[in-house]
Amino acid sequence: MSKLTFILLLTFSSQIFGQKLNIESKILSVECDENIDAYRFNTRLTKDSITENSRIIHFSTTATCCVDFELKSNKVDNIVKIDLKETGISCECICAYDFIVQFEQSLNLDTRFYVNNKLLKKNVPKLKLYERRYFVFENDTTGFDDENGLRQGFIVFKRKNDLKKLYYLNGKFIKMEITDLKGTVLIVETDEYKTSDY
């Protein structure tokens, strides 16, 4: 194969399959939200704005706590891949981060963004949902852990001579009841009121 044929073939294939281009990008803001369960946190695109000369995206993802970040971005056709590199001394935990990143070009409206090989999608819930877990006593559902992991209703523990019921609302303990096997309430305890150290 001649050199001219090889060069033409290479040029033609790069036009068909797209060419990888580095694009200028910088982190405008990064914040860690320590109040969110990072293990349930979804990587997602939260905002996308276009100006005449730049594109600014807001996205959320997880990374190691206490680190700084270096950013590299490249583009192939309408796909922008963002590589977030962690730098500095890390803590032994995972954090839920919110980033604001600016690209020094407006990019196409249909550009798709990836961060560390994860596609950034809009309309993704902030947290991954749990599968509901139900509590059953004598074939009746008495309570459940909801999609957010919050306990609702009550759980029954059958003991030798009585039943112990623990009541919850939105994941918070409300009260404990101890009844005899016929259903007569023997003891009630809440955060504010105790009838016994049972």
N, C-alpha and C. Protein backbone atom coordinates (compact mmCIF):
# COMPACT_ATOMS: atom_id res chain seq x y z
N MET A 1 0.86 -1.18 0.00
CA MET A 1 0.00 0.00 0.00
C MET A 1 0.90 1.24 0.00
N SER A 2 0.58 2.17 -0.89
CA SER A 2 1.40 3.37 -0.98
C SER A 2 1.13 4.30 0.19
N LYS A 3 2.08 5.21 0.44
CA LYS A 3 1.94 6.18 1.54
C LYS A 3 0.73 7.08 1.32
N LEU A 4 0.49 7.47 0.08
CA LEU A 4 -0.63 8.36 -0.24
C LEU A 4 -1.96 7.66 0.05
N THR A 5 -2.07 6.40 -0.33
CA THR A 5 -3.29 5.63 -0.06
C THR A 5 -3.51 5.49 1.45
N PHE A 6 -2.44 5.22 2.18
CA PHE A 6 -2.53 5.07 3.64
C PHE A 6 -3.00 6.37 4.29
N ILE A 7 -2.46 7.51 3.86
CA ILE A 7 -2.83 8.81 4.43
C ILE A 7 -4.30 9.12 4.12
N LEU A 8 -4.71 8.85 2.87
CA LEU A 8 -6.11 9.08 2.49
C LEU A 8 -7.05 8.18 3.30
N LEU A 9 -6.68 6.94 3.49
CA LEU A 9 -7.48 6.00 4.28
C LEU A 9 -7.58 6.45 5.73
N LEU A 10 -6.48 6.90 6.29
CA LEU A 10 -6.46 7.39 7.67
C LEU A 10 -7.34 8.63 7.82
N THR A 11 -7.25 9.56 6.88
CA THR A 11 -8.06 10.78 6.92
C THR A 11 -9.54 10.44 6.80
N PHE A 12 -9.86 9.54 5.87
CA PHE A 12 -11.24 9.14 5.64
C PHE A 12 -11.82 8.46 6.88
N SER A 13 -11.05 7.54 7.51
CA SER A 13 -11.55 6.82 8.69
C SER A 13 -11.73 7.76 9.87
N SER A 14 -10.87 8.76 10.04
CA SER A 14 -11.01 9.70 11.16
C SER A 14 -12.25 10.57 10.98
N GLN A 15 -12.62 10.84 9.71
CA GLN A 15 -13.83 11.63 9.47
C GLN A 15 -15.07 10.78 9.74
N ILE A 16 -15.01 9.50 9.40
CA ILE A 16 -16.15 8.61 9.63
C ILE A 16 -16.34 8.33 11.12
N PHE A 17 -15.27 7.95 11.79
CA PHE A 17 -15.37 7.51 13.18
C PHE A 17 -15.18 8.63 14.19
N GLY A 18 -14.91 9.82 13.75
CA GLY A 18 -14.73 10.94 14.68
C GLY A 18 -13.31 11.01 15.18
N GLN A 19 -12.93 12.17 15.59
CA GLN A 19 -11.57 12.41 16.04
C GLN A 19 -11.63 12.84 17.50
N LYS A 20 -10.75 12.30 18.31
CA LYS A 20 -10.69 12.65 19.73
C LYS A 20 -9.96 13.98 19.87
N LEU A 21 -10.65 14.96 20.45
CA LEU A 21 -10.07 16.28 20.64
C LEU A 21 -10.09 16.66 22.10
N ASN A 22 -8.98 17.17 22.61
CA ASN A 22 -8.98 17.72 23.97
C ASN A 22 -9.72 19.04 23.95
N ILE A 23 -10.56 19.28 24.95
CA ILE A 23 -11.25 20.56 25.02
C ILE A 23 -10.96 21.22 26.37
N GLU A 24 -10.85 22.54 26.33
CA GLU A 24 -10.55 23.29 27.55
C GLU A 24 -11.75 23.25 28.49
N SER A 25 -11.49 22.87 29.73
CA SER A 25 -12.55 22.82 30.75
C SER A 25 -11.94 23.15 32.10
N LYS A 26 -12.79 23.66 32.99
CA LYS A 26 -12.31 23.96 34.34
C LYS A 26 -13.44 23.79 35.34
N ILE A 27 -13.06 23.47 36.57
CA ILE A 27 -14.04 23.34 37.65
C ILE A 27 -14.29 24.72 38.23
N LEU A 28 -15.54 25.16 38.17
CA LEU A 28 -15.90 26.44 38.77
C LEU A 28 -16.24 26.29 40.25
N SER A 29 -16.80 25.15 40.61
CA SER A 29 -17.21 24.92 42.00
C SER A 29 -17.30 23.43 42.26
N VAL A 30 -16.95 23.03 43.48
CA VAL A 30 -17.15 21.65 43.93
C VAL A 30 -17.48 21.67 45.41
N GLU A 31 -18.55 20.97 45.78
CA GLU A 31 -18.98 20.92 47.18
C GLU A 31 -19.34 19.50 47.55
N CYS A 32 -18.97 19.13 48.78
CA CYS A 32 -19.31 17.81 49.32
C CYS A 32 -20.47 17.98 50.28
N ASP A 33 -21.51 17.18 50.10
CA ASP A 33 -22.66 17.19 51.01
C ASP A 33 -22.53 16.01 51.97
N GLU A 34 -22.13 16.29 53.20
CA GLU A 34 -21.88 15.23 54.18
C GLU A 34 -23.16 14.66 54.77
N ASN A 35 -24.31 15.29 54.48
CA ASN A 35 -25.58 14.83 55.05
C ASN A 35 -26.30 13.81 54.17
N ILE A 36 -25.70 13.44 53.04
CA ILE A 36 -26.33 12.50 52.12
C ILE A 36 -25.58 11.17 52.17
N ASP A 37 -26.34 10.08 52.12
CA ASP A 37 -25.76 8.74 52.06
C ASP A 37 -25.12 8.56 50.68
N ALA A 38 -23.81 8.69 50.61
CA ALA A 38 -23.09 8.66 49.33
C ALA A 38 -23.24 7.32 48.63
N TYR A 39 -23.48 6.25 49.38
CA TYR A 39 -23.61 4.93 48.76
C TYR A 39 -24.93 4.77 48.02
N ARG A 40 -25.88 5.67 48.27
CA ARG A 40 -27.15 5.66 47.54
C ARG A 40 -27.24 6.78 46.52
N PHE A 41 -26.20 7.60 46.42
CA PHE A 41 -26.21 8.81 45.60
C PHE A 41 -26.02 8.46 44.13
N ASN A 42 -26.87 9.01 43.26
CA ASN A 42 -26.77 8.75 41.82
C ASN A 42 -25.89 9.78 41.12
N THR A 43 -25.07 9.32 40.18
CA THR A 43 -24.35 10.22 39.29
C THR A 43 -25.36 10.75 38.29
N ARG A 44 -25.47 12.09 38.16
CA ARG A 44 -26.51 12.65 37.29
C ARG A 44 -26.18 14.07 36.88
N LEU A 45 -26.79 14.50 35.80
CA LEU A 45 -26.69 15.87 35.31
C LEU A 45 -27.82 16.67 35.94
N THR A 46 -27.50 17.77 36.61
CA THR A 46 -28.53 18.54 37.30
C THR A 46 -28.89 19.84 36.60
N LYS A 47 -27.96 20.38 35.80
CA LYS A 47 -28.23 21.63 35.09
C LYS A 47 -27.28 21.73 33.91
N ASP A 48 -27.76 22.33 32.82
CA ASP A 48 -26.96 22.46 31.61
C ASP A 48 -27.30 23.79 30.96
N SER A 49 -26.31 24.67 30.81
CA SER A 49 -26.59 25.98 30.20
C SER A 49 -25.55 26.29 29.14
N ILE A 50 -26.02 26.95 28.08
CA ILE A 50 -25.16 27.29 26.94
C ILE A 50 -25.10 28.80 26.80
N THR A 51 -23.89 29.33 26.68
CA THR A 51 -23.72 30.75 26.35
C THR A 51 -23.10 30.82 24.96
N GLU A 52 -22.80 32.00 24.52
CA GLU A 52 -22.25 32.16 23.17
C GLU A 52 -20.91 31.48 23.01
N ASN A 53 -20.09 31.53 24.04
CA ASN A 53 -18.73 31.01 23.92
C ASN A 53 -18.40 29.85 24.87
N SER A 54 -19.35 29.41 25.66
CA SER A 54 -19.03 28.34 26.61
C SER A 54 -20.26 27.52 26.95
N ARG A 55 -20.00 26.42 27.62
CA ARG A 55 -21.06 25.52 28.09
C ARG A 55 -20.77 25.25 29.56
N ILE A 56 -21.78 25.38 30.40
CA ILE A 56 -21.62 25.12 31.83
C ILE A 56 -22.58 24.02 32.22
N ILE A 57 -22.04 22.98 32.86
CA ILE A 57 -22.89 21.90 33.35
C ILE A 57 -22.71 21.76 34.86
N HIS A 58 -23.79 21.36 35.51
CA HIS A 58 -23.79 21.02 36.93
C HIS A 58 -24.05 19.52 37.00
N PHE A 59 -23.23 18.81 37.74
CA PHE A 59 -23.48 17.38 37.89
C PHE A 59 -23.10 16.92 39.29
N SER A 60 -23.67 15.77 39.66
CA SER A 60 -23.41 15.17 40.97
C SER A 60 -22.81 13.79 40.77
N THR A 61 -21.86 13.46 41.63
CA THR A 61 -21.27 12.12 41.59
C THR A 61 -20.61 11.85 42.95
N THR A 62 -20.08 10.67 43.11
CA THR A 62 -19.39 10.33 44.36
C THR A 62 -17.89 10.21 44.11
N ALA A 63 -17.13 10.50 45.15
CA ALA A 63 -15.67 10.37 45.10
C ALA A 63 -15.16 10.30 46.53
N THR A 64 -13.88 10.06 46.68
CA THR A 64 -13.27 9.97 47.99
C THR A 64 -13.34 11.31 48.72
N CYS A 65 -13.55 11.26 50.03
CA CYS A 65 -13.60 12.49 50.83
C CYS A 65 -12.23 13.15 50.92
N CYS A 66 -12.24 14.46 51.15
CA CYS A 66 -11.06 15.27 51.49
C CYS A 66 -10.08 15.49 50.34
N VAL A 67 -10.42 15.09 49.12
CA VAL A 67 -9.46 15.23 48.02
C VAL A 67 -9.72 16.49 47.21
N ASP A 68 -8.74 16.85 46.38
CA ASP A 68 -8.91 17.86 45.35
C ASP A 68 -9.06 17.12 44.03
N PHE A 69 -9.41 17.88 42.98
CA PHE A 69 -9.65 17.25 41.70
C PHE A 69 -8.91 17.96 40.58
N GLU A 70 -8.40 17.16 39.65
CA GLU A 70 -7.88 17.66 38.38
C GLU A 70 -8.83 17.19 37.30
N LEU A 71 -9.03 18.03 36.30
CA LEU A 71 -10.04 17.77 35.27
C LEU A 71 -9.41 17.74 33.89
N LYS A 72 -9.74 16.70 33.12
CA LYS A 72 -9.37 16.64 31.70
C LYS A 72 -10.62 16.25 30.93
N SER A 73 -10.83 16.90 29.80
CA SER A 73 -12.01 16.59 28.99
C SER A 73 -11.59 16.39 27.55
N ASN A 74 -12.23 15.42 26.90
CA ASN A 74 -12.03 15.24 25.47
C ASN A 74 -13.36 14.98 24.79
N LYS A 75 -13.36 15.22 23.49
CA LYS A 75 -14.61 15.16 22.72
C LYS A 75 -14.40 14.31 21.49
N VAL A 76 -15.37 13.42 21.24
CA VAL A 76 -15.44 12.67 20.00
C VAL A 76 -16.87 12.82 19.50
N ASP A 77 -17.03 13.41 18.33
CA ASP A 77 -18.35 13.71 17.78
C ASP A 77 -19.15 14.51 18.81
N ASN A 78 -20.30 13.99 19.25
CA ASN A 78 -21.14 14.71 20.22
C ASN A 78 -21.04 14.11 21.62
N ILE A 79 -19.92 13.49 21.91
CA ILE A 79 -19.70 12.90 23.24
C ILE A 79 -18.51 13.60 23.89
N VAL A 80 -18.74 14.10 25.11
CA VAL A 80 -17.66 14.71 25.89
C VAL A 80 -17.39 13.80 27.09
N LYS A 81 -16.15 13.36 27.21
CA LYS A 81 -15.76 12.52 28.34
C LYS A 81 -14.92 13.36 29.30
N ILE A 82 -15.39 13.40 30.55
CA ILE A 82 -14.71 14.15 31.61
C ILE A 82 -13.98 13.15 32.49
N ASP A 83 -12.70 13.38 32.66
CA ASP A 83 -11.90 12.52 33.54
C ASP A 83 -11.58 13.32 34.80
N LEU A 84 -12.17 12.90 35.93
CA LEU A 84 -11.89 13.55 37.22
C LEU A 84 -10.83 12.74 37.93
N LYS A 85 -9.68 13.34 38.16
CA LYS A 85 -8.60 12.66 38.87
C LYS A 85 -8.52 13.22 40.28
N GLU A 86 -8.55 12.31 41.27
CA GLU A 86 -8.44 12.72 42.67
C GLU A 86 -6.98 12.98 43.02
N THR A 87 -6.72 14.08 43.71
CA THR A 87 -5.36 14.41 44.13
C THR A 87 -5.36 14.77 45.61
N GLY A 88 -4.21 14.74 46.21
CA GLY A 88 -4.08 15.10 47.62
C GLY A 88 -4.28 13.90 48.54
N ILE A 89 -4.30 14.20 49.83
CA ILE A 89 -4.45 13.15 50.85
C ILE A 89 -5.93 12.91 51.11
N SER A 90 -6.37 11.68 50.93
CA SER A 90 -7.79 11.36 51.05
C SER A 90 -8.14 10.92 52.46
N CYS A 91 -9.43 11.02 52.78
CA CYS A 91 -9.98 10.46 54.02
C CYS A 91 -10.56 9.09 53.68
N GLU A 92 -10.84 8.30 54.71
CA GLU A 92 -11.37 6.96 54.46
C GLU A 92 -12.88 6.97 54.40
N CYS A 93 -13.43 7.72 53.47
CA CYS A 93 -14.89 7.76 53.30
C CYS A 93 -15.21 8.19 51.88
N ILE A 94 -16.46 8.02 51.51
CA ILE A 94 -16.96 8.44 50.20
C ILE A 94 -17.91 9.60 50.43
N CYS A 95 -17.84 10.60 49.55
CA CYS A 95 -18.67 11.79 49.70
C CYS A 95 -19.52 12.00 48.45
N ALA A 96 -20.67 12.62 48.63
CA ALA A 96 -21.55 13.02 47.53
C ALA A 96 -21.17 14.44 47.12
N TYR A 97 -20.65 14.59 45.90
CA TYR A 97 -20.15 15.89 45.43
C TYR A 97 -21.09 16.49 44.39
N ASP A 98 -21.17 17.82 44.42
CA ASP A 98 -21.83 18.59 43.37
C ASP A 98 -20.76 19.43 42.67
N PHE A 99 -20.65 19.27 41.35
CA PHE A 99 -19.66 19.98 40.55
C PHE A 99 -20.33 20.98 39.62
N ILE A 100 -19.64 22.08 39.36
CA ILE A 100 -19.99 22.98 38.26
C ILE A 100 -18.74 23.07 37.39
N VAL A 101 -18.89 22.71 36.11
CA VAL A 101 -17.77 22.65 35.18
C VAL A 101 -18.09 23.51 33.95
N GLN A 102 -17.09 24.27 33.51
CA GLN A 102 -17.24 25.12 32.33
C GLN A 102 -16.35 24.62 31.21
N PHE A 103 -16.92 24.54 30.00
CA PHE A 103 -16.17 24.19 28.78
C PHE A 103 -16.00 25.46 27.97
N GLU A 104 -14.82 25.64 27.39
CA GLU A 104 -14.52 26.87 26.65
C GLU A 104 -15.04 26.83 25.22
N GLN A 105 -16.16 26.18 25.01
CA GLN A 105 -16.87 26.22 23.74
C GLN A 105 -18.32 25.84 24.02
N SER A 106 -19.22 26.27 23.16
CA SER A 106 -20.65 26.08 23.46
C SER A 106 -21.11 24.64 23.27
N LEU A 107 -20.50 23.89 22.36
CA LEU A 107 -20.84 22.50 22.05
C LEU A 107 -22.26 22.40 21.48
N ASN A 108 -22.58 21.28 20.86
CA ASN A 108 -23.90 21.09 20.27
C ASN A 108 -24.95 20.84 21.34
N LEU A 109 -26.21 21.13 20.99
CA LEU A 109 -27.31 20.91 21.94
C LEU A 109 -27.45 19.44 22.32
N ASP A 110 -27.13 18.55 21.39
CA ASP A 110 -27.31 17.11 21.66
C ASP A 110 -26.04 16.44 22.21
N THR A 111 -25.10 17.24 22.69
CA THR A 111 -23.88 16.67 23.28
C THR A 111 -24.23 15.86 24.52
N ARG A 112 -23.65 14.67 24.61
CA ARG A 112 -23.81 13.83 25.80
C ARG A 112 -22.52 13.90 26.61
N PHE A 113 -22.67 13.96 27.93
CA PHE A 113 -21.52 14.09 28.83
C PHE A 113 -21.35 12.82 29.66
N TYR A 114 -20.09 12.43 29.81
CA TYR A 114 -19.74 11.29 30.66
C TYR A 114 -18.74 11.80 31.69
N VAL A 115 -18.85 11.30 32.93
CA VAL A 115 -17.83 11.59 33.93
C VAL A 115 -17.29 10.25 34.43
N ASN A 116 -15.99 10.08 34.30
CA ASN A 116 -15.34 8.81 34.66
C ASN A 116 -16.11 7.62 34.10
N ASN A 117 -16.47 7.73 32.83
CA ASN A 117 -17.16 6.69 32.05
C ASN A 117 -18.61 6.44 32.44
N LYS A 118 -19.20 7.32 33.25
CA LYS A 118 -20.63 7.20 33.58
C LYS A 118 -21.40 8.29 32.83
N LEU A 119 -22.44 7.89 32.12
CA LEU A 119 -23.26 8.85 31.39
C LEU A 119 -24.01 9.74 32.36
N LEU A 120 -23.95 11.05 32.12
CA LEU A 120 -24.69 12.00 32.93
C LEU A 120 -26.07 12.18 32.32
N LYS A 121 -27.11 11.74 33.03
CA LYS A 121 -28.48 11.85 32.55
C LYS A 121 -29.23 12.82 33.44
N LYS A 122 -30.18 13.54 32.81
CA LYS A 122 -31.10 14.39 33.58
C LYS A 122 -32.26 13.53 34.07
N ASN A 123 -33.05 14.09 34.96
CA ASN A 123 -34.26 13.42 35.48
C ASN A 123 -33.97 12.07 36.14
N VAL A 124 -32.82 11.98 36.76
CA VAL A 124 -32.46 10.80 37.55
C VAL A 124 -32.67 11.17 39.01
N PRO A 125 -33.30 10.32 39.82
CA PRO A 125 -33.49 10.67 41.23
C PRO A 125 -32.16 10.88 41.94
N LYS A 126 -32.16 11.75 42.93
CA LYS A 126 -30.94 12.07 43.66
C LYS A 126 -30.36 10.83 44.35
N LEU A 127 -31.24 10.00 44.90
CA LEU A 127 -30.80 8.80 45.62
C LEU A 127 -31.36 7.55 44.97
N LYS A 128 -30.58 6.49 44.99
CA LYS A 128 -31.06 5.19 44.53
C LYS A 128 -32.14 4.73 45.51
N LEU A 129 -33.20 4.16 44.96
CA LEU A 129 -34.31 3.72 45.81
C LEU A 129 -34.06 2.30 46.29
N TYR A 130 -34.49 2.03 47.54
CA TYR A 130 -34.43 0.69 48.08
C TYR A 130 -35.65 -0.11 47.62
N GLU A 131 -35.51 -1.40 47.62
CA GLU A 131 -36.67 -2.26 47.41
C GLU A 131 -37.42 -2.34 48.75
N ARG A 132 -38.74 -2.24 48.70
CA ARG A 132 -39.53 -2.29 49.94
C ARG A 132 -39.34 -3.62 50.64
N ARG A 133 -39.25 -3.56 51.97
CA ARG A 133 -39.14 -4.78 52.78
C ARG A 133 -40.29 -4.76 53.78
N TYR A 134 -41.12 -5.79 53.73
CA TYR A 134 -42.34 -5.83 54.55
C TYR A 134 -42.13 -6.65 55.81
N PHE A 135 -42.88 -6.26 56.88
CA PHE A 135 -42.89 -7.01 58.13
C PHE A 135 -44.27 -7.62 58.30
N VAL A 136 -44.31 -8.91 58.55
CA VAL A 136 -45.57 -9.64 58.61
C VAL A 136 -45.66 -10.37 59.94
N PHE A 137 -46.87 -10.31 60.52
CA PHE A 137 -47.13 -11.08 61.74
C PHE A 137 -48.48 -11.77 61.58
N GLU A 138 -48.48 -13.09 61.70
CA GLU A 138 -49.68 -13.92 61.55
C GLU A 138 -50.43 -13.57 60.27
N ASN A 139 -49.72 -13.55 59.16
CA ASN A 139 -50.24 -13.31 57.81
C ASN A 139 -50.78 -11.90 57.57
N ASP A 140 -50.54 -10.96 58.46
CA ASP A 140 -50.91 -9.57 58.24
C ASP A 140 -49.65 -8.72 58.13
N THR A 141 -49.64 -7.80 57.16
CA THR A 141 -48.53 -6.86 57.04
C THR A 141 -48.69 -5.79 58.11
N THR A 142 -47.67 -5.64 58.94
CA THR A 142 -47.74 -4.68 60.04
C THR A 142 -46.90 -3.43 59.78
N GLY A 143 -45.93 -3.53 58.89
CA GLY A 143 -45.07 -2.39 58.60
C GLY A 143 -44.13 -2.71 57.45
N PHE A 144 -43.30 -1.73 57.10
CA PHE A 144 -42.36 -1.92 55.99
C PHE A 144 -41.26 -0.88 56.06
N ASP A 145 -40.14 -1.19 55.40
CA ASP A 145 -39.09 -0.20 55.13
C ASP A 145 -39.35 0.31 53.73
N ASP A 146 -39.54 1.64 53.57
CA ASP A 146 -39.94 2.19 52.27
C ASP A 146 -38.76 2.36 51.31
N GLU A 147 -39.04 2.97 50.15
CA GLU A 147 -38.04 3.11 49.09
C GLU A 147 -36.85 3.96 49.51
N ASN A 148 -37.04 4.79 50.54
CA ASN A 148 -35.95 5.62 51.04
C ASN A 148 -35.27 5.00 52.26
N GLY A 149 -35.64 3.77 52.59
CA GLY A 149 -35.04 3.08 53.73
C GLY A 149 -35.63 3.49 55.06
N LEU A 150 -36.77 4.18 55.05
CA LEU A 150 -37.40 4.64 56.28
C LEU A 150 -38.45 3.64 56.73
N ARG A 151 -38.42 3.31 58.01
CA ARG A 151 -39.34 2.32 58.57
C ARG A 151 -40.69 2.97 58.85
N GLN A 152 -41.77 2.26 58.46
CA GLN A 152 -43.14 2.72 58.67
C GLN A 152 -43.94 1.60 59.33
N GLY A 153 -44.91 1.97 60.18
CA GLY A 153 -45.76 0.96 60.80
C GLY A 153 -45.10 0.36 62.03
N PHE A 154 -45.35 -0.95 62.25
CA PHE A 154 -44.76 -1.57 63.44
C PHE A 154 -44.28 -2.98 63.15
N ILE A 155 -43.40 -3.44 64.04
CA ILE A 155 -42.83 -4.79 63.97
C ILE A 155 -43.27 -5.51 65.23
N VAL A 156 -43.66 -6.76 65.09
CA VAL A 156 -44.13 -7.56 66.23
C VAL A 156 -43.12 -8.65 66.52
N PHE A 157 -42.76 -8.77 67.81
CA PHE A 157 -41.90 -9.86 68.28
C PHE A 157 -42.72 -10.69 69.26
N LYS A 158 -42.94 -11.96 68.92
CA LYS A 158 -43.68 -12.84 69.82
C LYS A 158 -42.71 -13.46 70.79
N ARG A 159 -43.03 -13.28 72.09
CA ARG A 159 -42.17 -13.83 73.12
C ARG A 159 -42.95 -14.92 73.85
N LYS A 160 -42.40 -15.45 74.92
CA LYS A 160 -43.02 -16.59 75.59
C LYS A 160 -44.42 -16.27 76.10
N ASN A 161 -44.59 -15.14 76.79
CA ASN A 161 -45.88 -14.82 77.40
C ASN A 161 -46.51 -13.53 76.89
N ASP A 162 -45.88 -12.87 75.93
CA ASP A 162 -46.43 -11.59 75.47
C ASP A 162 -45.95 -11.25 74.06
N LEU A 163 -46.43 -10.11 73.56
CA LEU A 163 -46.02 -9.58 72.26
C LEU A 163 -45.37 -8.22 72.47
N LYS A 164 -44.26 -7.99 71.82
CA LYS A 164 -43.60 -6.69 71.87
C LYS A 164 -43.76 -6.04 70.50
N LYS A 165 -44.34 -4.81 70.46
CA LYS A 165 -44.56 -4.09 69.20
C LYS A 165 -43.77 -2.80 69.23
N LEU A 166 -42.97 -2.60 68.17
CA LEU A 166 -42.19 -1.38 68.03
C LEU A 166 -42.79 -0.58 66.87
N TYR A 167 -43.23 0.67 67.15
CA TYR A 167 -43.90 1.51 66.16
C TYR A 167 -42.92 2.56 65.60
N TYR A 168 -43.00 2.79 64.27
CA TYR A 168 -42.12 3.75 63.60
C TYR A 168 -42.94 4.63 62.64
N LEU A 169 -42.49 5.85 62.46
CA LEU A 169 -43.05 6.74 61.45
C LEU A 169 -41.90 7.49 60.79
N ASN A 170 -41.78 7.35 59.47
CA ASN A 170 -40.70 7.98 58.70
C ASN A 170 -39.31 7.69 59.27
N GLY A 171 -39.13 6.44 59.70
CA GLY A 171 -37.83 6.00 60.19
C GLY A 171 -37.55 6.31 61.65
N LYS A 172 -38.46 7.03 62.32
CA LYS A 172 -38.24 7.40 63.72
C LYS A 172 -39.08 6.52 64.65
N PHE A 173 -38.44 6.08 65.73
CA PHE A 173 -39.15 5.30 66.73
C PHE A 173 -40.23 6.17 67.38
N ILE A 174 -41.45 5.66 67.46
CA ILE A 174 -42.57 6.39 68.07
C ILE A 174 -42.88 5.84 69.45
N LYS A 175 -43.09 4.52 69.53
CA LYS A 175 -43.40 3.93 70.83
C LYS A 175 -43.18 2.43 70.79
N MET A 176 -43.16 1.85 72.02
CA MET A 176 -43.11 0.41 72.19
C MET A 176 -44.31 0.01 73.02
N GLU A 177 -44.98 -1.05 72.61
CA GLU A 177 -46.09 -1.60 73.39
C GLU A 177 -45.78 -3.05 73.71
N ILE A 178 -46.10 -3.43 74.92
CA ILE A 178 -46.04 -4.84 75.28
C ILE A 178 -47.46 -5.24 75.67
N THR A 179 -47.98 -6.27 74.98
CA THR A 179 -49.34 -6.74 75.26
C THR A 179 -49.27 -8.20 75.65
N ASP A 180 -50.33 -8.64 76.37
CA ASP A 180 -50.41 -10.08 76.62
C ASP A 180 -50.89 -10.75 75.34
N LEU A 181 -50.95 -12.06 75.33
CA LEU A 181 -51.29 -12.79 74.12
C LEU A 181 -52.74 -12.56 73.69
N LYS A 182 -53.58 -12.00 74.59
CA LYS A 182 -54.97 -11.68 74.24
C LYS A 182 -55.09 -10.27 73.67
N GLY A 183 -54.03 -9.47 73.73
CA GLY A 183 -54.06 -8.13 73.17
C GLY A 183 -54.19 -7.01 74.18
N THR A 184 -54.24 -7.33 75.47
CA THR A 184 -54.33 -6.30 76.51
C THR A 184 -52.97 -5.62 76.67
N VAL A 185 -52.96 -4.26 76.61
CA VAL A 185 -51.72 -3.51 76.71
C VAL A 185 -51.22 -3.54 78.15
N LEU A 186 -49.98 -3.98 78.33
CA LEU A 186 -49.37 -4.05 79.66
C LEU A 186 -48.43 -2.87 79.90
N ILE A 187 -47.66 -2.52 78.89
CA ILE A 187 -46.64 -1.47 79.03
C ILE A 187 -46.59 -0.65 77.74
N VAL A 188 -46.45 0.67 77.90
CA VAL A 188 -46.26 1.58 76.76
C VAL A 188 -45.05 2.44 77.07
N GLU A 189 -44.16 2.55 76.11
CA GLU A 189 -43.00 3.43 76.27
C GLU A 189 -42.83 4.28 75.03
N THR A 190 -42.59 5.58 75.23
CA THR A 190 -42.23 6.49 74.14
C THR A 190 -40.95 7.20 74.57
N ASP A 191 -40.48 8.12 73.73
CA ASP A 191 -39.29 8.89 74.11
C ASP A 191 -39.54 9.72 75.36
N GLU A 192 -40.79 10.17 75.54
CA GLU A 192 -41.09 11.07 76.65
C GLU A 192 -41.69 10.35 77.86
N TYR A 193 -42.27 9.18 77.63
CA TYR A 193 -43.02 8.55 78.70
C TYR A 193 -42.64 7.08 78.83
N LYS A 194 -42.27 6.67 80.03
CA LYS A 194 -41.93 5.26 80.28
C LYS A 194 -42.74 4.76 81.46
N THR A 195 -43.34 3.58 81.31
CA THR A 195 -44.07 2.98 82.42
C THR A 195 -43.23 1.94 83.15
N SER A 196 -42.08 1.59 82.55
CA SER A 196 -41.28 0.55 83.16
C SER A 196 -39.90 0.49 82.51
N ASP A 197 -38.98 -0.22 83.13
CA ASP A 197 -37.68 -0.50 82.53
C ASP A 197 -37.68 -1.92 81.95
N TYR A 198 -38.79 -2.40 81.52
CA TYR A 198 -39.02 -3.76 81.03
C TYR A 198 -38.03 -4.13 79.95
